[in-house]
Protein backbone atom coordinates (compact mmCIF):
# COMPACT_ATOMS: atom_id res chain seq x y z
CA MET A 1 10.16 10.44 -8.69
CA HIS A 2 8.91 13.64 -10.24
CA ILE A 3 5.40 13.00 -8.95
CA ILE A 4 6.64 12.30 -5.42
CA ASN A 5 8.77 15.42 -5.47
CA GLN A 6 5.86 17.43 -6.70
CA ALA A 7 3.71 16.10 -3.83
CA ILE A 8 6.42 16.90 -1.38
CA ASN A 9 6.62 20.53 -2.59
CA ASN A 10 2.87 20.93 -1.76
CA LEU A 11 3.32 19.82 1.84
CA THR A 12 3.44 22.09 4.89
CA PHE A 13 6.92 23.23 5.90
CA ASP A 14 7.55 20.58 8.66
CA ALA A 15 6.06 17.72 6.58
CA LYS A 16 8.18 18.82 3.61
CA ILE A 17 11.32 18.63 5.70
CA ARG A 18 10.48 15.17 6.95
CA ALA A 19 9.57 13.91 3.49
CA ASN A 20 12.75 15.34 1.93
CA ALA A 21 14.79 13.68 4.69
CA ALA A 22 13.10 10.36 3.94
CA VAL A 23 13.89 10.58 0.19
CA SER A 24 17.51 11.56 0.97
CA ALA A 25 17.83 8.57 3.38
CA LEU A 26 16.55 6.15 0.82
CA GLY A 27 19.25 7.40 -1.57
CA HIS A 28 21.96 7.03 1.05
CA VAL A 29 20.80 3.49 1.85
CA ASP A 30 20.94 2.53 -1.84
CA ALA A 31 24.52 3.74 -1.97
CA MET A 32 25.41 1.86 1.23
CA ILE A 33 23.99 -1.32 -0.23
CA GLU A 34 26.00 -1.03 -3.45
CA ASP A 35 29.16 -0.34 -1.44
CA PHE A 36 28.55 -3.30 0.82
CA LYS A 37 28.31 -5.60 -2.15
CA LEU A 38 31.75 -4.42 -3.36
CA ARG A 39 33.62 -4.67 -0.04
CA GLU A 40 36.05 -7.56 0.37
CA GLY A 41 37.69 -7.01 3.78
CA ILE A 42 38.25 -10.40 5.50
CA SER A 43 39.28 -9.34 8.99
CA ARG A 44 36.76 -9.80 11.78
CA ALA A 45 36.71 -6.06 12.47
CA ASP A 46 36.03 -5.26 8.74
CA ILE A 47 33.21 -7.73 8.55
CA LEU A 48 31.57 -6.60 11.80
CA LEU A 49 31.82 -2.91 10.75
CA ASP A 50 30.34 -3.61 7.33
CA VAL A 51 27.59 -5.95 8.57
CA PHE A 52 26.39 -3.62 11.34
CA GLY A 53 26.63 -0.62 9.01
CA LEU A 54 24.45 -2.53 6.49
CA LEU A 55 21.89 -3.46 9.12
CA GLN A 56 21.68 0.15 10.37
CA GLY A 57 21.23 1.33 6.81
CA LEU A 58 18.37 -1.11 6.21
CA PHE A 59 16.68 0.00 9.43
CA VAL A 60 16.92 3.63 8.29
CA GLY A 61 15.61 2.71 4.84
CA ILE A 62 12.53 1.00 6.24
CA ASP A 63 11.84 3.92 8.55
CA ALA A 64 12.22 6.23 5.61
CA MET A 65 9.60 4.44 3.57
CA TYR A 66 7.12 4.61 6.46
CA GLN A 67 7.89 8.35 6.95
CA LEU A 68 7.50 9.09 3.21
CA SER A 69 4.08 7.29 3.24
CA PHE A 70 2.99 9.19 6.30
CA THR A 71 4.01 12.61 5.08
CA THR A 72 2.69 12.30 1.55
CA THR A 73 -0.56 10.41 2.22
CA LYS A 74 -1.11 10.78 6.02
CA TYR A 75 -1.21 7.01 6.42
CA LYS A 76 0.95 3.95 6.32
CA TYR A 77 -1.46 1.94 4.13
CA HIS A 78 0.94 1.85 1.19
CA ILE A 79 3.60 -0.12 2.98
CA ASN A 80 3.38 -3.44 4.84
CA ILE A 81 6.74 -4.82 5.86
CA ASN A 82 5.07 -7.71 7.61
CA MET A 83 3.95 -9.15 4.27
CA ASN A 84 7.67 -9.72 3.47
CA LYS A 85 8.99 -12.64 5.54
CA ASN A 86 12.64 -11.71 5.10
CA LEU A 87 12.16 -8.13 6.18
CA LYS A 88 10.01 -9.31 9.05
CA GLN A 89 13.13 -11.15 10.31
CA LEU A 90 15.02 -7.83 10.07
CA LYS A 91 12.41 -6.24 12.29
CA TYR A 92 13.01 -8.88 15.01
CA LEU A 93 16.76 -8.39 14.68
CA ARG A 94 16.36 -4.63 15.09
CA ASN A 95 13.85 -4.53 17.87
CA ASP A 96 14.66 -7.60 19.88
CA VAL A 97 18.39 -8.29 19.29
CA VAL A 98 20.41 -5.30 18.16
CA GLY A 99 18.28 -2.35 19.38
CA HIS A 100 17.16 -3.63 22.79
CA PRO A 101 17.51 -7.35 23.25
CA THR A 102 14.33 -9.20 23.96
CA ASN A 103 13.78 -9.19 27.70
CA ARG A 104 10.68 -10.94 29.03
CA ASN A 105 10.26 -11.31 32.77
CA TYR A 106 7.36 -13.52 33.78
CA GLU A 107 5.43 -13.77 37.01
CA ASP A 108 6.62 -17.34 37.55
CA GLY A 109 10.23 -16.24 37.57
CA SER A 110 11.10 -17.32 33.97
CA PHE A 111 12.61 -14.88 31.50
CA GLY A 112 13.75 -14.68 27.91
CA PHE A 113 16.28 -12.86 25.88
CA SER A 114 18.21 -12.94 22.54
CA ILE A 115 21.89 -12.69 21.76
CA ILE A 116 23.87 -12.41 18.55
CA LEU A 117 26.43 -15.26 17.91
CA ASN A 118 29.52 -13.18 17.19
CA ASP A 119 31.47 -16.20 15.91
CA GLU A 120 28.93 -16.79 13.19
CA ILE A 121 28.81 -13.30 11.67
CA THR A 122 29.99 -13.41 8.06
CA ARG A 123 29.49 -11.24 5.00
CA ASN A 124 26.61 -13.47 3.98
CA GLU A 125 24.72 -14.17 7.21
CA LEU A 126 24.16 -13.53 10.96
CA SER A 127 22.81 -15.88 13.59
CA TYR A 128 21.29 -15.26 17.02
CA LEU A 129 19.93 -17.39 19.85
CA THR A 130 16.72 -16.75 21.73
CA TYR A 131 16.70 -18.22 25.25
CA ILE A 132 13.79 -18.99 27.55
CA ILE A 133 14.99 -19.75 31.01
CA LYS A 134 12.63 -21.24 33.64
CA GLY A 135 14.23 -22.49 36.77
CA LYS A 136 16.97 -24.87 35.79
CA GLN A 137 15.42 -25.50 32.34
CA ILE A 138 16.88 -23.55 29.41
CA ASP A 139 15.22 -23.63 26.01
CA SER A 140 16.98 -22.04 23.07
CA GLN A 141 16.19 -21.52 19.44
CA LYS A 142 18.63 -20.47 16.74
CA HIS A 143 17.69 -17.93 14.04
CA THR A 144 19.81 -17.16 10.95
CA ILE A 145 19.44 -14.17 8.67
CA ASP A 146 20.78 -14.38 5.12
CA PHE A 147 21.90 -10.92 3.92
CA ARG A 148 21.44 -11.67 0.22
CA SER A 149 17.79 -12.55 0.77
CA ILE A 150 17.38 -9.48 3.00
CA LEU A 151 18.84 -7.15 0.33
CA ASP A 152 16.68 -8.68 -2.42
CA ALA A 153 13.63 -8.30 -0.18
CA TYR A 154 14.43 -4.72 0.65
CA SER A 155 14.95 -3.76 -3.01
CA GLU A 156 11.66 -5.46 -3.95
CA GLU A 157 9.76 -3.76 -1.18
CA LYS A 158 11.26 -0.34 -1.90
CA ASP A 159 10.56 -0.66 -5.70
CA LYS A 160 6.92 -1.63 -5.17
CA PHE A 161 6.38 1.00 -2.48
CA THR A 162 7.77 3.74 -4.72
CA ARG A 163 5.75 2.49 -7.71
CA ASP A 164 2.50 2.30 -5.67
CA LEU A 165 3.08 5.75 -4.10
CA ILE A 166 3.66 7.36 -7.53
CA ALA A 167 0.54 5.68 -8.89
CA TYR A 168 -1.60 6.74 -5.95
CA LEU A 169 -0.35 10.40 -6.04
CA ALA A 170 -1.06 10.48 -9.76
CA ARG A 171 -4.64 9.30 -9.44
CA ASN A 172 -7.47 11.50 -10.86
CA PRO A 173 -10.32 12.48 -8.55
CA ARG A 174 -13.36 10.30 -9.35
CA LYS A 175 -16.69 9.39 -7.85
CA THR A 176 -16.06 6.51 -5.42
CA GLU A 177 -18.38 3.50 -5.30
CA THR A 178 -16.39 1.44 -2.86
CA SER A 179 -17.87 2.83 0.39
CA GLY A 180 -21.42 1.84 -0.51
CA GLN A 181 -20.35 -1.59 -1.54
CA LEU A 182 -18.46 -2.04 1.75
CA VAL A 183 -21.53 -1.12 3.74
CA GLN A 184 -23.45 -3.79 1.82
CA LEU A 185 -20.66 -6.35 2.47
CA PHE A 186 -20.84 -5.54 6.18
CA GLU A 187 -24.62 -5.88 6.33
CA LYS A 188 -24.45 -9.25 4.54
CA ALA A 189 -21.71 -10.60 6.83
CA PHE A 190 -23.66 -9.38 9.87
CA ASN A 191 -26.45 -11.69 8.68
CA ASP A 192 -24.01 -14.57 8.05
CA GLN A 193 -23.97 -14.08 4.27
CA TYR A 194 -20.45 -14.03 2.88
CA ASP A 195 -20.39 -12.75 -0.71
CA PHE A 196 -17.15 -13.54 -2.44
CA ASP A 197 -18.26 -11.87 -5.70
CA LEU A 198 -19.05 -8.66 -3.87
CA LEU A 199 -15.66 -8.75 -2.13
CA THR A 200 -13.92 -9.21 -5.49
CA LYS A 201 -15.91 -6.31 -6.98
CA ILE A 202 -14.87 -4.11 -4.02
CA GLU A 203 -11.21 -4.97 -4.42
CA THR A 204 -11.32 -4.21 -8.19
CA LEU A 205 -13.13 -0.90 -7.54
CA PHE A 206 -10.67 0.08 -4.88
CA LEU A 207 -7.67 -0.57 -7.23
CA LYS A 208 -9.33 1.52 -9.95
CA GLU A 209 -10.31 4.39 -7.68
CA GLN A 210 -6.87 4.61 -6.03
CA ASN A 211 -5.01 3.97 -9.30
CA LEU A 212 -3.06 0.95 -7.88
CA TYR A 213 -1.53 -2.15 -9.41
CA ARG A 214 -3.00 -5.64 -8.91
CA ASP A 215 0.14 -6.70 -6.95
CA THR A 216 0.14 -3.64 -4.76
CA ARG A 217 1.40 -3.85 -1.20
CA ASN A 218 -1.48 -1.66 0.01
CA ARG A 219 -2.96 -2.94 3.21
CA PHE A 220 -6.54 -2.75 1.92
CA VAL A 221 -5.81 -5.47 -0.59
CA TRP A 222 -3.94 -7.52 2.01
CA ARG A 223 -6.97 -7.40 4.33
CA THR A 224 -9.35 -8.47 1.53
CA GLY A 225 -7.18 -11.59 1.34
CA LEU A 226 -7.73 -12.15 5.01
CA LEU A 227 -11.46 -11.73 4.59
CA ARG A 228 -11.54 -14.46 1.98
CA LYS A 229 -10.00 -16.83 4.55
CA LEU A 230 -12.49 -15.70 7.17
CA PHE A 231 -15.41 -16.25 4.86
CA VAL A 232 -14.67 -20.02 4.66
CA TRP A 233 -13.36 -20.53 8.25
CA ASN A 234 -15.72 -22.67 10.35
CA ASP A 235 -15.30 -23.72 13.91
CA ALA A 236 -18.06 -25.29 15.97
CA LYS A 237 -16.91 -23.75 19.33
CA TYR A 238 -15.49 -20.39 18.30
CA GLN A 239 -17.65 -19.31 15.31
CA SER A 240 -18.77 -16.21 17.26
CA VAL A 241 -15.07 -15.12 17.36
CA ILE A 242 -14.62 -15.74 13.66
CA LYS A 243 -17.74 -13.73 12.85
CA TYR A 244 -16.48 -10.91 15.12
CA MET A 245 -13.12 -10.90 13.29
CA THR A 246 -14.85 -10.88 9.93
CA LEU A 247 -16.91 -7.78 10.77
CA GLN A 248 -13.90 -6.07 12.29
CA GLN A 249 -11.85 -6.71 9.05
CA ILE A 250 -14.64 -5.19 6.97
CA LEU A 251 -14.69 -2.20 9.21
CA SER A 252 -10.90 -1.90 8.94
CA ILE A 253 -10.91 -1.71 5.17
CA TYR A 254 -14.00 0.57 5.28
CA GLN A 255 -11.97 2.93 7.50
CA MET A 256 -8.93 2.76 5.13
CA ASN A 257 -11.14 3.52 2.16
CA GLN A 258 -12.64 6.55 4.01
CA ASP A 259 -9.24 7.81 5.02
CA LEU A 260 -7.79 7.61 1.52
CA ASN A 261 -10.88 9.46 0.18
CA SER A 262 -10.63 12.04 2.95
CA SER A 263 -14.15 11.11 4.17
CA LYS A 264 -15.12 11.12 7.80
CA ILE A 265 -17.89 8.87 9.09
CA ARG A 266 -18.60 7.18 12.39
CA ILE A 267 -17.60 3.48 12.46
CA PRO A 268 -20.14 1.17 14.22
CA ASN A 269 -19.16 -0.95 17.22
CA VAL A 270 -19.42 -4.73 17.05
CA GLU A 271 -20.50 -6.61 20.12
CA LEU A 272 -17.65 -8.58 21.66
CA PRO A 273 -18.13 -12.41 21.95
CA GLN A 274 -18.34 -13.68 25.54
CA ILE A 275 -14.99 -15.50 25.37
CA LEU A 276 -13.28 -12.18 24.49
CA VAL A 277 -15.12 -10.46 27.27
CA ASP A 278 -13.77 -13.06 29.68
CA PHE A 279 -10.28 -12.65 28.24
CA ASP A 280 -10.41 -8.88 28.84
CA LEU A 281 -11.53 -9.50 32.42
CA MET A 282 -8.52 -11.75 32.94
CA ILE A 283 -6.22 -9.08 31.63
CA LYS A 284 -7.76 -6.49 33.85
CA LYS A 285 -7.50 -8.82 36.88
CA HIS A 286 -3.78 -9.48 36.17
CA PRO A 287 -2.31 -6.13 34.98
CA ALA A 288 1.12 -7.62 34.50
CA SER A 289 -0.34 -9.83 31.77
CA SER A 290 -0.81 -6.76 29.56
CA ASN A 291 2.99 -6.61 29.07
CA ILE A 292 2.95 -9.73 26.91
CA LEU A 293 0.12 -8.96 24.48
CA ASN A 294 2.08 -7.04 21.85
CA SER A 295 3.52 -10.03 20.03
CA LEU A 296 0.34 -12.15 19.99
CA ASN A 297 -0.46 -11.22 16.29
CA ASP A 298 2.95 -12.51 15.24
CA GLN A 299 3.61 -16.26 15.54
CA ASP A 300 7.16 -15.80 14.18
CA HIS A 301 8.14 -13.59 17.10
CA PRO A 302 10.83 -15.33 19.24
CA MET A 303 8.70 -15.08 22.34
CA PHE A 304 5.30 -15.92 20.82
CA LYS A 305 4.74 -19.43 22.27
CA ASN A 306 6.03 -18.60 25.72
CA ASP A 307 3.91 -15.46 25.88
CA VAL A 308 0.72 -17.47 25.05
CA ARG A 309 1.61 -20.12 27.57
CA GLU A 310 2.14 -17.44 30.21
CA LEU A 311 -1.31 -16.07 29.51
CA MET A 312 -2.69 -19.60 29.92
CA ASP A 313 -1.13 -19.61 33.41
CA TYR A 314 -2.96 -16.39 34.21
CA ALA A 315 -6.29 -17.78 33.08
CA ASP A 316 -8.33 -18.74 36.15
CA ASP A 317 -11.29 -19.34 33.79
CA THR A 318 -11.12 -22.82 32.17
CA ASP A 319 -12.87 -21.52 29.05
CA VAL A 320 -10.26 -18.81 28.53
CA ASN A 321 -7.51 -21.31 29.04
CA ARG A 322 -8.97 -23.63 26.43
CA PHE A 323 -9.48 -20.75 24.05
CA LEU A 324 -5.79 -19.78 24.35
CA GLU A 325 -4.79 -23.36 23.80
CA TRP A 326 -6.92 -23.47 20.68
CA PHE A 327 -5.25 -20.22 19.50
CA LEU A 328 -1.75 -21.63 20.15
CA ASN A 329 -2.54 -24.83 18.15
CA LEU A 330 -3.96 -23.09 15.01
CA SER A 331 -1.98 -24.24 12.03
CA ASP A 332 -2.80 -21.49 9.57
CA SER A 333 -0.56 -18.40 9.96
CA ASP A 334 -3.30 -15.98 8.85
CA HIS A 335 -5.79 -17.51 11.32
CA LYS A 336 -3.21 -17.08 14.05
CA TYR A 337 -2.60 -13.45 13.05
CA LEU A 338 -6.28 -12.63 13.13
CA VAL A 339 -6.94 -14.13 16.52
CA GLY A 340 -3.76 -12.70 17.91
CA GLN A 341 -4.72 -9.24 16.68
CA VAL A 342 -8.05 -9.48 18.45
CA LEU A 343 -6.31 -10.54 21.66
CA LYS A 344 -3.75 -7.81 21.36
CA ALA A 345 -6.56 -5.25 20.94
CA SER A 346 -7.51 -5.96 24.57
CA LEU A 347 -5.03 -3.20 25.36
CA LYS A 348 -7.37 -0.72 23.64
CA ARG A 349 -10.59 -2.24 24.97
CA ILE A 350 -9.82 -2.07 28.64
CA VAL A 351 -8.50 0.51 31.14
CA LEU A 352 -6.03 -1.05 33.60
């Protein structure tokens, strides 16, 4: 932690306060976790108090990691909670159940929400139900969160984040080669040439230049993994969308690399495929549809399927409807994330 504390001491006054608060919060959360493991109260009140205290502590701990990354590096690239399936569940619990229960109201009168099952709260797990109500039809899905898995996941994520942050802050300035290689990768992909060897070389260079471990949680490395899947993904009808996503992912890691090297350069625009142009026009025509785009890059979100189906109802264009159906039926979770991310980005592409 010496290197982190040293970096904090070099921050501006307000950033230093935020960073020190984050470090302090992480220490408090560690103490809360250890105390939770020792508690043995068996009354319902004791269990509820301990469980909700633990959840709040974990929420604070995750926020503290993001804050520490922002203040010491200016970016959140060194942490990616969504890579950890157990902590991803915790995010849903916080945002959609405990914090402000999921509440979707659709144009057709259907709505959805989530509720904790109080009778199923124990020291080991918590369950909640997500309801979708449409007319007289009620669909429900039960979700269970195991606290032991959550605690293990939190500890793993915190340890890797701290390790990666220390390594990054301790790096020595060196001439970077990654930017030029990324330009070459983009140009090749633009011409439908997908060079795996070059991508591997870029990843190796990045780890060396940023002084990171091979199993880092850094988002750059995560996105190179997505690119490997895009390089081999073929679809007769929607190949233009796959190529667009490939170029966008290369630009994303190029931007990350520039940010981490404090380099500023204009990022080129990539022409949008016609099916995405049509999708944007649909969103613009039906402004209410923009309210259900945020979860499209997350197939595990309790409202994911219903949100996609609602968009299909908005789609007057048959091609857009078929495209959304194709998206909904994708079996690979990374493919679904990539398409969902592009659809979600409609919020940035259009002005309602």
